[in-house]
N, C-alpha and C. Protein backbone atom coordinates (compact mmCIF):
# COMPACT_ATOMS: atom_id res chain seq x y z
N MET A 1 14.95 3.40 -2.37
CA MET A 1 13.79 2.85 -1.70
C MET A 1 14.28 2.07 -0.48
N ALA A 2 13.61 2.27 0.63
CA ALA A 2 13.98 1.57 1.85
C ALA A 2 13.84 0.05 1.64
N GLU A 3 14.64 -0.70 2.36
CA GLU A 3 14.65 -2.16 2.20
C GLU A 3 13.27 -2.78 2.45
N TRP A 4 12.55 -2.29 3.47
CA TRP A 4 11.24 -2.87 3.75
C TRP A 4 10.30 -2.68 2.57
N ARG A 5 10.46 -1.60 1.83
CA ARG A 5 9.59 -1.35 0.68
C ARG A 5 9.87 -2.36 -0.43
N LYS A 6 11.13 -2.69 -0.65
CA LYS A 6 11.47 -3.70 -1.66
C LYS A 6 10.85 -5.04 -1.29
N VAL A 7 10.97 -5.39 -0.02
CA VAL A 7 10.42 -6.66 0.45
C VAL A 7 8.90 -6.65 0.34
N ALA A 8 8.27 -5.57 0.79
CA ALA A 8 6.81 -5.47 0.74
C ALA A 8 6.31 -5.50 -0.70
N LYS A 9 7.00 -4.81 -1.58
CA LYS A 9 6.59 -4.79 -2.98
C LYS A 9 6.72 -6.18 -3.60
N GLY A 10 7.81 -6.87 -3.30
CA GLY A 10 7.98 -8.23 -3.80
C GLY A 10 6.92 -9.17 -3.27
N PHE A 11 6.57 -9.02 -2.00
CA PHE A 11 5.53 -9.83 -1.38
C PHE A 11 4.18 -9.55 -2.02
N ALA A 12 3.84 -8.28 -2.16
CA ALA A 12 2.53 -7.90 -2.67
C ALA A 12 2.36 -8.24 -4.15
N LEU A 13 3.43 -8.14 -4.91
CA LEU A 13 3.33 -8.33 -6.36
C LEU A 13 3.87 -9.67 -6.84
N GLY A 14 4.23 -10.54 -5.92
CA GLY A 14 4.85 -11.81 -6.28
C GLY A 14 4.09 -12.62 -7.32
N ASP A 15 2.78 -12.69 -7.18
CA ASP A 15 1.97 -13.45 -8.14
C ASP A 15 1.16 -12.55 -9.07
N GLY A 16 1.39 -11.24 -8.97
CA GLY A 16 0.67 -10.29 -9.83
C GLY A 16 -0.66 -9.84 -9.28
N HIS A 17 -1.16 -10.51 -8.25
CA HIS A 17 -2.44 -10.17 -7.63
C HIS A 17 -2.20 -9.70 -6.21
N VAL A 18 -2.81 -8.59 -5.83
CA VAL A 18 -2.71 -8.09 -4.47
C VAL A 18 -3.95 -8.57 -3.72
N SER A 19 -3.74 -9.42 -2.72
CA SER A 19 -4.83 -10.03 -1.96
C SER A 19 -5.14 -9.24 -0.69
N THR A 20 -6.23 -9.61 -0.05
CA THR A 20 -6.61 -8.98 1.21
C THR A 20 -5.52 -9.18 2.26
N LYS A 21 -4.95 -10.36 2.32
CA LYS A 21 -3.87 -10.63 3.28
C LYS A 21 -2.70 -9.69 3.06
N GLU A 22 -2.35 -9.46 1.82
CA GLU A 22 -1.24 -8.57 1.50
C GLU A 22 -1.57 -7.12 1.84
N VAL A 23 -2.81 -6.72 1.59
CA VAL A 23 -3.22 -5.36 1.94
C VAL A 23 -3.20 -5.18 3.46
N ASP A 24 -3.61 -6.21 4.19
CA ASP A 24 -3.57 -6.13 5.66
C ASP A 24 -2.15 -5.88 6.15
N LEU A 25 -1.18 -6.55 5.55
CA LEU A 25 0.22 -6.35 5.92
C LEU A 25 0.68 -4.94 5.55
N LEU A 26 0.33 -4.49 4.36
CA LEU A 26 0.69 -3.13 3.93
C LEU A 26 0.08 -2.09 4.87
N ARG A 27 -1.18 -2.31 5.25
CA ARG A 27 -1.86 -1.39 6.17
C ARG A 27 -1.10 -1.31 7.50
N GLU A 28 -0.70 -2.46 8.01
CA GLU A 28 0.04 -2.51 9.27
C GLU A 28 1.36 -1.74 9.16
N LEU A 29 2.07 -1.94 8.06
CA LEU A 29 3.35 -1.26 7.87
C LEU A 29 3.19 0.25 7.68
N ILE A 30 2.25 0.64 6.85
CA ILE A 30 2.07 2.05 6.52
C ILE A 30 1.51 2.84 7.70
N LEU A 31 0.57 2.25 8.43
CA LEU A 31 -0.12 2.98 9.50
C LEU A 31 0.45 2.74 10.89
N LYS A 32 1.60 2.06 10.98
CA LYS A 32 2.13 1.71 12.30
C LYS A 32 2.44 2.93 13.17
N ASP A 33 2.74 4.07 12.55
CA ASP A 33 3.03 5.28 13.33
C ASP A 33 1.87 6.28 13.29
N ASP A 34 0.70 5.82 12.84
CA ASP A 34 -0.51 6.67 12.75
C ASP A 34 -0.29 7.91 11.89
N HIS A 35 0.62 7.82 10.94
CA HIS A 35 0.91 8.93 10.03
C HIS A 35 1.23 8.33 8.66
N VAL A 36 0.77 9.01 7.62
CA VAL A 36 1.06 8.57 6.26
C VAL A 36 1.77 9.70 5.53
N SER A 37 2.92 9.41 4.99
CA SER A 37 3.66 10.41 4.22
C SER A 37 3.25 10.32 2.74
N GLN A 38 3.57 11.35 2.00
CA GLN A 38 3.30 11.34 0.56
C GLN A 38 4.07 10.20 -0.10
N SER A 39 5.27 9.94 0.38
CA SER A 39 6.09 8.86 -0.16
C SER A 39 5.40 7.50 0.04
N GLU A 40 4.82 7.29 1.20
CA GLU A 40 4.13 6.03 1.48
C GLU A 40 2.89 5.90 0.59
N LEU A 41 2.17 7.00 0.42
CA LEU A 41 1.00 6.99 -0.45
C LEU A 41 1.41 6.66 -1.89
N ASN A 42 2.47 7.28 -2.35
CA ASN A 42 2.97 7.00 -3.70
C ASN A 42 3.36 5.53 -3.85
N PHE A 43 3.94 4.97 -2.80
CA PHE A 43 4.33 3.56 -2.79
C PHE A 43 3.10 2.66 -3.00
N LEU A 44 2.02 2.95 -2.29
CA LEU A 44 0.79 2.17 -2.45
C LEU A 44 0.24 2.30 -3.88
N LYS A 45 0.31 3.50 -4.41
CA LYS A 45 -0.17 3.72 -5.78
C LYS A 45 0.69 2.97 -6.79
N GLU A 46 1.99 2.88 -6.54
CA GLU A 46 2.88 2.11 -7.41
C GLU A 46 2.49 0.64 -7.40
N ILE A 47 2.21 0.11 -6.22
CA ILE A 47 1.80 -1.28 -6.12
C ILE A 47 0.51 -1.51 -6.90
N LYS A 48 -0.45 -0.61 -6.74
CA LYS A 48 -1.72 -0.71 -7.46
C LYS A 48 -1.48 -0.70 -8.97
N ALA A 49 -0.63 0.21 -9.43
CA ALA A 49 -0.37 0.36 -10.86
C ALA A 49 0.36 -0.85 -11.44
N GLU A 50 1.22 -1.47 -10.67
CA GLU A 50 2.02 -2.59 -11.16
C GLU A 50 1.32 -3.94 -11.02
N ALA A 51 0.26 -3.98 -10.21
CA ALA A 51 -0.47 -5.24 -10.02
C ALA A 51 -1.32 -5.56 -11.24
N LYS A 52 -1.40 -6.83 -11.57
CA LYS A 52 -2.30 -7.26 -12.65
C LYS A 52 -3.74 -7.16 -12.18
N THR A 53 -3.97 -7.56 -10.93
CA THR A 53 -5.29 -7.47 -10.31
C THR A 53 -5.10 -7.15 -8.83
N SER A 54 -6.15 -6.61 -8.22
CA SER A 54 -6.09 -6.33 -6.78
C SER A 54 -7.50 -6.33 -6.21
N VAL A 55 -7.56 -6.43 -4.90
CA VAL A 55 -8.84 -6.43 -4.20
C VAL A 55 -9.27 -4.99 -3.90
N GLN A 56 -10.56 -4.82 -3.66
CA GLN A 56 -11.12 -3.50 -3.37
C GLN A 56 -10.48 -2.88 -2.13
N VAL A 57 -10.08 -3.69 -1.16
CA VAL A 57 -9.52 -3.13 0.06
C VAL A 57 -8.22 -2.37 -0.19
N LEU A 58 -7.51 -2.66 -1.29
CA LEU A 58 -6.34 -1.86 -1.63
C LEU A 58 -6.78 -0.46 -2.02
N ASP A 59 -7.83 -0.36 -2.82
CA ASP A 59 -8.37 0.96 -3.17
C ASP A 59 -8.83 1.71 -1.93
N ASP A 60 -9.46 0.98 -1.00
CA ASP A 60 -9.92 1.59 0.25
C ASP A 60 -8.74 2.12 1.07
N LEU A 61 -7.67 1.34 1.14
CA LEU A 61 -6.48 1.77 1.87
C LEU A 61 -5.87 3.00 1.23
N ILE A 62 -5.78 3.02 -0.08
CA ILE A 62 -5.24 4.19 -0.78
C ILE A 62 -6.10 5.42 -0.50
N ALA A 63 -7.42 5.27 -0.54
CA ALA A 63 -8.32 6.40 -0.27
C ALA A 63 -8.15 6.89 1.17
N GLU A 64 -8.03 5.97 2.11
CA GLU A 64 -7.83 6.33 3.52
C GLU A 64 -6.51 7.10 3.69
N CYS A 65 -5.48 6.63 3.04
CA CYS A 65 -4.17 7.28 3.13
C CYS A 65 -4.19 8.65 2.45
N GLU A 66 -4.92 8.78 1.34
CA GLU A 66 -5.04 10.08 0.68
C GLU A 66 -5.69 11.09 1.62
N GLU A 67 -6.71 10.67 2.35
CA GLU A 67 -7.37 11.55 3.32
C GLU A 67 -6.40 11.97 4.41
N MET A 68 -5.59 11.04 4.88
CA MET A 68 -4.62 11.36 5.94
C MET A 68 -3.56 12.33 5.43
N VAL A 69 -3.08 12.12 4.21
CA VAL A 69 -2.05 13.00 3.64
C VAL A 69 -2.61 14.39 3.40
N ASN A 70 -3.85 14.44 2.94
CA ASN A 70 -4.47 15.73 2.62
C ASN A 70 -5.13 16.39 3.82
N GLY A 71 -5.06 15.75 4.98
CA GLY A 71 -5.56 16.34 6.22
C GLY A 71 -7.06 16.41 6.33
N LYS A 72 -7.76 15.50 5.70
CA LYS A 72 -9.23 15.51 5.77
C LYS A 72 -9.71 14.55 6.81
């Protein structure tokens, strides 16, 4: 796993809850090149699965990234 992913995962899951602020940072990192890879999508899904709780905007980001990966 790339170093930024370890840092981002630690940041997002530090307290077990993924907040809007954390999703905003993830969005910036994932979408910075206007492209989403399957690996990046899987990374977001890992964060969702490992979080105790998360905000709806994480689900929205995952859905947006799924559309980009699937070309819709």
